[in-house]
Amino acid sequence: MRPERAWQRPAERQRGPRWVLGAGALLLAGLAAFSYRVDRDRLQSFRARALEAGFVEGDPVLTDLAREADPHRAALLLARAILARDLEPESQGARGAHLQQARELGLEALAAHPAAWQAPMIFGAATYLEWSIGQDGRLYREADRWQQPLLSSLSLSPGRNEPTQFLASAYLELWPALSEQRREEARHLVGRALEDPRHFPRLMEPWLERAADRQEAFSLIPKSGEAWRLLARHYADRGQWRAYVEAYDQGFEVKKELARRSLQEAARRQSGRDLRGARHLFLTAAMEAPLCREMDPLVEEALSQAPSGPFNPHYAAAL
């Protein structure tokens, strides 16, 4: 080898790497531009799919899709919108028409982001609803095809309510067909779902119908004065007076327990110099306490110990 070939000048030595880097930069720029065009085209296709699914100009989903820059999030957004609309009672007649589209969108997002909790939830929920509305026997024979995605979504999002709510609703609908082991798991999920005050009114009646007896039914009612009030009213509206009295009495005890807890926490906050939090809890204890002589001392203590603060019409109306 000749020496001049072994000892090239720096400019000559760098010519090769510079060419490679330059070509690489052009290639990456081209890929980025191609990716942008693909993403833009996909995003525009979601608008067409939304219109095909029955959404019209002015629907919030179209506005949200126009703002979305990520195709996978757009797929989830549209699929969730279809599911939410098709779950409304007034959409009963047209439900099945677009659930397959929601299922396909969920499957697309699941393939792109297998660790995301929303994609398996949408896929499982859409599959369940499509088969349930169509009275498809696969709902029972191939239950894992809708159940496993929902359970996967539940494990991926322990703090999220949606998978719990949907699974609880599905299990209540299919209760007679569940094995005893699956019913035990379903009871746990139904109990968690009933704790959400937004969904309690919707799930209360199906649970009462499925519970083996009143004792089992009452065992899942959350410790909430409002929940027990709704339960008592449910029985009163149907003239089931013995059940009404039981629900009313248990609700009465729950209110007393909640008032005592609020009073204890208020005292703890006050000793920790959290006067604003203490005031809120003292007044909450007074509002939660049911009207009876037994609770009079608690109400007097709560009102006398509450730190002074600005007038609040919410407290004034309740007290």
Protein backbone atom coordinates (compact mmCIF):
# COMPACT_ATOMS: atom_id res chain seq x y z
CA MET A 1 0.00 0.00 0.00
CA ARG A 2 1.36 3.39 -0.91
CA PRO A 3 1.82 5.79 2.00
CA GLU A 4 -0.32 8.51 0.51
CA ARG A 5 -3.26 6.11 0.48
CA ALA A 6 -2.77 5.28 4.13
CA TRP A 7 -2.46 8.88 5.17
CA GLN A 8 -5.17 10.79 3.36
CA ARG A 9 -5.73 14.42 4.14
CA PRO A 10 -8.60 15.04 6.64
CA ALA A 11 -10.85 16.52 3.98
CA GLU A 12 -10.48 13.40 1.86
CA ARG A 13 -11.03 11.06 4.81
CA GLN A 14 -14.27 12.79 5.75
CA ARG A 15 -15.72 12.88 2.26
CA GLY A 16 -17.18 9.39 2.56
CA PRO A 17 -18.85 9.85 5.97
CA ARG A 18 -20.17 13.26 4.93
CA TRP A 19 -21.79 11.73 1.89
CA VAL A 20 -23.34 9.00 4.01
CA LEU A 21 -24.60 11.49 6.59
CA GLY A 22 -25.96 13.75 3.88
CA ALA A 23 -27.74 10.87 2.19
CA GLY A 24 -29.07 9.72 5.56
CA ALA A 25 -30.42 13.17 6.32
CA LEU A 26 -32.14 13.32 2.94
CA LEU A 27 -33.56 9.84 3.49
CA LEU A 28 -34.89 10.73 6.95
CA ALA A 29 -36.36 13.96 5.63
CA GLY A 30 -38.05 12.01 2.87
CA LEU A 31 -39.39 9.46 5.33
CA ALA A 32 -40.66 12.23 7.61
CA ALA A 33 -42.42 13.92 4.70
CA PHE A 34 -43.90 10.60 3.60
CA SER A 35 -44.98 9.82 7.17
CA TYR A 36 -46.56 13.26 7.46
CA ARG A 37 -48.52 12.74 4.24
CA VAL A 38 -49.64 9.29 5.37
CA ASP A 39 -50.71 10.62 8.79
CA ARG A 40 -52.48 13.58 7.20
CA ASP A 41 -54.34 11.32 4.79
CA ARG A 42 -55.29 8.96 7.61
CA LEU A 43 -56.52 11.83 9.76
CA GLN A 44 -58.66 13.09 6.89
CA SER A 45 -60.06 9.59 6.43
CA PHE A 46 -61.34 9.61 10.02
CA ARG A 47 -63.56 12.57 9.21
CA ALA A 48 -65.07 10.61 6.32
CA ARG A 49 -65.53 7.59 8.57
CA ALA A 50 -67.23 9.75 11.20
CA LEU A 51 -69.68 11.07 8.61
CA GLU A 52 -70.25 7.51 7.40
CA ALA A 53 -71.01 6.49 11.00
CA GLY A 54 -73.83 9.03 11.13
CA PHE A 55 -72.20 12.04 12.75
CA VAL A 56 -73.09 15.40 11.20
CA GLU A 57 -71.46 18.80 10.95
CA GLY A 58 -71.48 20.46 14.34
CA ASP A 59 -71.04 17.22 16.30
CA PRO A 60 -68.21 17.65 18.84
CA VAL A 61 -66.45 14.53 17.57
CA LEU A 62 -65.80 16.18 14.19
CA THR A 63 -64.31 19.22 15.90
CA ASP A 64 -62.13 17.00 18.08
CA LEU A 65 -60.96 14.97 15.08
CA ALA A 66 -59.98 18.17 13.25
CA ARG A 67 -57.71 19.09 16.17
CA GLU A 68 -56.15 15.66 16.59
CA ALA A 69 -52.64 15.24 15.17
CA ASP A 70 -52.10 11.56 15.98
CA PRO A 71 -53.91 8.94 13.85
CA HIS A 72 -54.04 6.35 16.62
CA ARG A 73 -55.59 8.81 19.08
CA ALA A 74 -58.02 9.83 16.34
CA ALA A 75 -59.04 6.18 15.93
CA LEU A 76 -59.68 5.88 19.66
CA LEU A 77 -61.55 9.18 19.73
CA LEU A 78 -63.92 8.16 16.93
CA ALA A 79 -64.42 4.65 18.32
CA ARG A 80 -65.27 6.03 21.77
CA ALA A 81 -67.73 8.48 20.22
CA ILE A 82 -69.49 5.67 18.34
CA LEU A 83 -69.69 3.53 21.48
CA ALA A 84 -70.96 6.41 23.63
CA ARG A 85 -73.67 7.26 21.11
CA ASP A 86 -74.74 3.66 20.56
CA LEU A 87 -75.06 3.10 24.30
CA GLU A 88 -77.76 5.76 24.51
CA PRO A 89 -81.29 4.26 24.72
CA GLU A 90 -82.64 6.39 21.86
CA SER A 91 -80.10 4.89 19.44
CA GLN A 92 -81.43 1.34 19.96
CA GLY A 93 -82.63 0.91 16.38
CA ALA A 94 -79.38 1.91 14.71
CA ARG A 95 -76.93 0.54 17.26
CA GLY A 96 -75.57 -2.47 15.43
CA ALA A 97 -74.95 -0.57 12.20
CA HIS A 98 -71.70 1.08 13.30
CA LEU A 99 -70.43 -1.12 16.13
CA GLN A 100 -68.35 -3.14 13.68
CA GLN A 101 -66.65 0.10 12.67
CA ALA A 102 -65.90 0.90 16.32
CA ARG A 103 -64.52 -2.62 16.78
CA GLU A 104 -62.25 -2.23 13.74
CA LEU A 105 -61.01 1.15 14.97
CA GLY A 106 -60.27 -0.35 18.37
CA LEU A 107 -58.39 -3.21 16.72
CA GLU A 108 -56.30 -0.74 14.68
CA ALA A 109 -55.36 1.19 17.80
CA LEU A 110 -54.68 -2.04 19.71
CA ALA A 111 -52.24 -3.21 17.02
CA ALA A 112 -50.41 0.13 17.17
CA HIS A 113 -50.41 0.50 20.97
CA PRO A 114 -50.88 -2.92 22.64
CA ALA A 115 -50.07 -1.47 26.09
CA ALA A 116 -52.73 1.26 25.92
CA TRP A 117 -55.83 0.57 28.04
CA GLN A 118 -58.40 2.32 25.81
CA ALA A 119 -57.85 0.19 22.70
CA PRO A 120 -58.67 -3.22 24.28
CA MET A 121 -61.60 -1.67 26.14
CA ILE A 122 -63.11 -0.31 22.92
CA PHE A 123 -62.48 -3.54 21.01
CA GLY A 124 -63.98 -5.70 23.76
CA ALA A 125 -66.95 -3.41 24.39
CA ALA A 126 -67.80 -3.06 20.70
CA THR A 127 -67.56 -6.82 20.18
CA TYR A 128 -69.80 -7.48 23.17
CA LEU A 129 -72.42 -4.92 22.10
CA GLU A 130 -72.45 -6.07 18.49
CA TRP A 131 -73.03 -9.69 19.49
CA SER A 132 -75.47 -8.82 22.27
CA ILE A 133 -77.67 -6.64 20.06
CA GLY A 134 -77.50 -9.17 17.23
CA GLN A 135 -78.31 -12.04 19.64
CA ASP A 136 -75.20 -13.78 18.35
CA GLY A 137 -74.43 -17.09 20.07
CA ARG A 138 -70.73 -16.26 20.03
CA LEU A 139 -71.46 -13.96 22.96
CA TYR A 140 -71.47 -17.13 25.09
CA ARG A 141 -69.49 -19.62 23.00
CA GLU A 142 -66.57 -17.26 22.36
CA ALA A 143 -66.86 -15.07 25.44
CA ASP A 144 -63.10 -14.66 25.70
CA ARG A 145 -63.09 -12.63 22.49
CA TRP A 146 -64.84 -9.74 24.25
CA GLN A 147 -64.06 -10.61 27.87
CA GLN A 148 -60.26 -10.89 27.68
CA PRO A 149 -59.73 -7.47 26.03
CA LEU A 150 -61.87 -5.88 28.74
CA LEU A 151 -59.98 -7.69 31.50
CA SER A 152 -56.72 -6.64 29.86
CA SER A 153 -57.91 -3.03 29.81
CA LEU A 154 -58.83 -3.35 33.48
CA SER A 155 -55.35 -4.58 34.40
CA LEU A 156 -53.71 -1.82 32.35
CA SER A 157 -55.77 0.93 33.99
CA PRO A 158 -56.41 0.10 37.68
CA GLY A 159 -57.41 3.69 38.36
CA ARG A 160 -59.87 3.97 35.47
CA ASN A 161 -63.59 3.41 35.84
CA GLU A 162 -64.70 2.65 32.28
CA PRO A 163 -63.54 -0.99 32.02
CA THR A 164 -65.03 -1.77 35.43
CA GLN A 165 -68.35 -0.18 34.52
CA PHE A 166 -68.65 -1.99 31.22
CA LEU A 167 -67.63 -5.39 32.58
CA ALA A 168 -70.07 -5.01 35.47
CA SER A 169 -72.90 -4.17 33.06
CA ALA A 170 -72.03 -7.11 30.81
CA TYR A 171 -71.83 -9.60 33.68
CA LEU A 172 -75.17 -8.42 35.07
CA GLU A 173 -76.78 -8.99 31.67
CA LEU A 174 -75.28 -12.47 31.35
CA TRP A 175 -75.62 -13.39 35.04
CA PRO A 176 -77.71 -16.59 34.59
CA ALA A 177 -75.07 -17.99 32.22
CA LEU A 178 -72.08 -17.28 34.49
CA SER A 179 -70.35 -20.04 36.41
CA GLU A 180 -70.24 -19.70 40.19
CA GLN A 181 -66.55 -18.81 40.04
CA ARG A 182 -67.22 -16.11 37.45
CA ARG A 183 -70.12 -14.80 39.55
CA GLU A 184 -67.79 -14.32 42.50
CA GLU A 185 -65.47 -12.26 40.31
CA ALA A 186 -68.47 -10.41 38.88
CA ARG A 187 -69.77 -9.51 42.36
CA HIS A 188 -66.47 -7.84 43.13
CA LEU A 189 -66.63 -5.82 39.91
CA VAL A 190 -70.28 -4.89 40.42
CA GLY A 191 -69.47 -3.71 43.94
CA ARG A 192 -66.70 -1.48 42.59
CA ALA A 193 -68.96 -0.15 39.85
CA LEU A 194 -71.76 0.67 42.30
CA GLU A 195 -69.36 2.85 44.30
CA ASP A 196 -69.34 5.39 41.48
CA PRO A 197 -72.25 7.77 42.21
CA ARG A 198 -72.54 8.62 38.50
CA HIS A 199 -73.36 5.02 37.61
CA PHE A 200 -75.11 3.81 40.75
CA PRO A 201 -78.65 4.72 39.54
CA ARG A 202 -78.10 2.83 36.27
CA LEU A 203 -76.64 -0.32 37.84
CA MET A 204 -78.73 -0.51 41.00
CA GLU A 205 -81.85 -2.09 39.50
CA PRO A 206 -80.02 -4.75 37.40
CA TRP A 207 -78.06 -5.74 40.50
CA LEU A 208 -81.20 -6.01 42.63
CA GLU A 209 -82.71 -8.31 39.99
CA ARG A 210 -79.66 -10.59 39.94
CA ALA A 211 -78.95 -10.79 43.68
CA ALA A 212 -80.09 -14.07 45.23
CA ASP A 213 -81.80 -12.30 48.15
CA ARG A 214 -82.03 -8.94 49.89
CA GLN A 215 -79.06 -9.67 52.12
CA GLU A 216 -76.84 -10.24 49.09
CA ALA A 217 -78.30 -7.19 47.36
CA PHE A 218 -77.62 -4.91 50.32
CA SER A 219 -74.07 -6.24 50.74
CA LEU A 220 -72.86 -4.33 47.66
CA ILE A 221 -74.63 -1.02 48.32
CA PRO A 222 -71.88 1.54 49.07
CA LYS A 223 -71.72 3.51 52.32
CA SER A 224 -73.33 6.58 50.84
CA GLY A 225 -76.39 8.33 52.16
CA GLU A 226 -77.52 9.11 48.61
CA ALA A 227 -77.15 5.48 47.50
CA TRP A 228 -79.34 4.22 50.35
CA ARG A 229 -81.86 7.00 49.72
CA LEU A 230 -82.17 5.90 46.08
CA LEU A 231 -82.50 2.28 47.17
CA ALA A 232 -85.26 3.08 49.66
CA ARG A 233 -87.10 5.13 47.03
CA HIS A 234 -86.80 2.23 44.57
CA TYR A 235 -88.71 -0.02 46.97
CA ALA A 236 -91.22 2.69 47.89
CA ASP A 237 -92.06 3.30 44.23
CA ARG A 238 -92.91 -0.40 43.92
CA GLY A 239 -94.85 -0.64 47.16
CA GLN A 240 -92.33 -3.08 48.66
CA TRP A 241 -92.67 -1.59 52.13
CA ARG A 242 -90.77 -4.19 54.16
CA ALA A 243 -87.75 -3.79 51.88
CA TYR A 244 -88.22 -0.02 52.03
CA VAL A 245 -88.07 -0.02 55.83
CA GLU A 246 -84.91 -2.17 55.81
CA ALA A 247 -83.22 0.08 53.25
CA TYR A 248 -84.29 3.22 55.11
CA ASP A 249 -83.03 1.90 58.45
CA GLN A 250 -79.66 0.83 57.03
CA GLY A 251 -79.33 4.14 55.25
CA PHE A 252 -80.04 5.90 58.54
CA GLU A 253 -77.18 4.01 60.21
CA VAL A 254 -74.85 4.78 57.31
CA LYS A 255 -75.60 8.50 57.64
CA LYS A 256 -74.80 8.41 61.35
CA GLU A 257 -71.51 6.63 60.70
CA LEU A 258 -70.53 9.09 57.96
CA ALA A 259 -71.34 12.06 60.19
CA ARG A 260 -69.16 10.66 63.00
CA ARG A 261 -66.29 10.04 60.59
CA SER A 262 -66.53 13.57 59.21
CA LEU A 263 -66.49 14.99 62.74
CA GLN A 264 -63.38 12.99 63.65
CA GLU A 265 -61.56 14.02 60.49
CA ALA A 266 -62.59 17.66 61.03
CA ALA A 267 -61.04 17.62 64.51
CA ARG A 268 -57.85 16.10 63.10
CA ARG A 269 -57.65 18.78 60.39
CA GLN A 270 -58.26 21.52 62.95
CA SER A 271 -55.44 20.28 65.16
CA GLY A 272 -53.20 20.31 62.07
CA ARG A 273 -54.10 23.95 61.37
CA ASP A 274 -56.01 23.10 58.21
CA LEU A 275 -58.84 25.46 59.15
CA ARG A 276 -60.44 25.56 55.72
CA GLY A 277 -60.61 21.76 55.49
CA ALA A 278 -61.78 21.54 59.10
CA ARG A 279 -64.60 24.03 58.49
CA HIS A 280 -65.78 22.06 55.45
CA LEU A 281 -65.80 18.77 57.37
CA PHE A 282 -67.48 20.17 60.50
CA LEU A 283 -70.30 21.56 58.36
CA THR A 284 -70.42 18.33 56.33
CA ALA A 285 -70.85 16.35 59.56
CA ALA A 286 -73.74 18.59 60.56
CA MET A 287 -75.37 18.14 57.14
CA GLU A 288 -74.84 14.37 57.00
CA ALA A 289 -76.26 13.70 60.45
CA PRO A 290 -79.83 12.36 60.22
CA LEU A 291 -82.58 14.12 62.14
CA CYS A 292 -82.85 12.33 65.48
CA ARG A 293 -82.16 13.12 69.15
CA GLU A 294 -79.17 10.79 69.13
CA MET A 295 -77.42 13.05 66.61
CA ASP A 296 -78.27 16.39 68.27
CA PRO A 297 -75.04 16.50 70.35
CA LEU A 298 -72.94 15.77 67.26
CA VAL A 299 -74.61 18.55 65.26
CA GLU A 300 -74.16 21.02 68.13
CA GLU A 301 -70.48 20.07 68.48
CA ALA A 302 -69.87 20.35 64.74
CA LEU A 303 -71.47 23.80 64.48
CA SER A 304 -69.77 25.14 67.59
CA GLN A 305 -66.31 23.86 66.60
CA ALA A 306 -66.42 24.92 62.94
CA PRO A 307 -63.93 27.76 62.27
CA SER A 308 -65.47 30.97 61.01
CA GLY A 309 -65.49 31.56 57.27
CA PRO A 310 -67.31 33.28 54.41
CA PHE A 311 -71.02 32.74 53.85
CA ASN A 312 -71.70 29.68 51.70
CA PRO A 313 -75.24 29.30 50.29
CA HIS A 314 -74.74 25.53 49.89
CA TYR A 315 -74.21 25.05 53.63
CA ALA A 316 -76.92 27.56 54.49
CA ALA A 317 -79.52 25.74 52.39
CA ALA A 318 -78.58 22.33 53.79
CA LEU A 319 -78.59 23.43 57.42
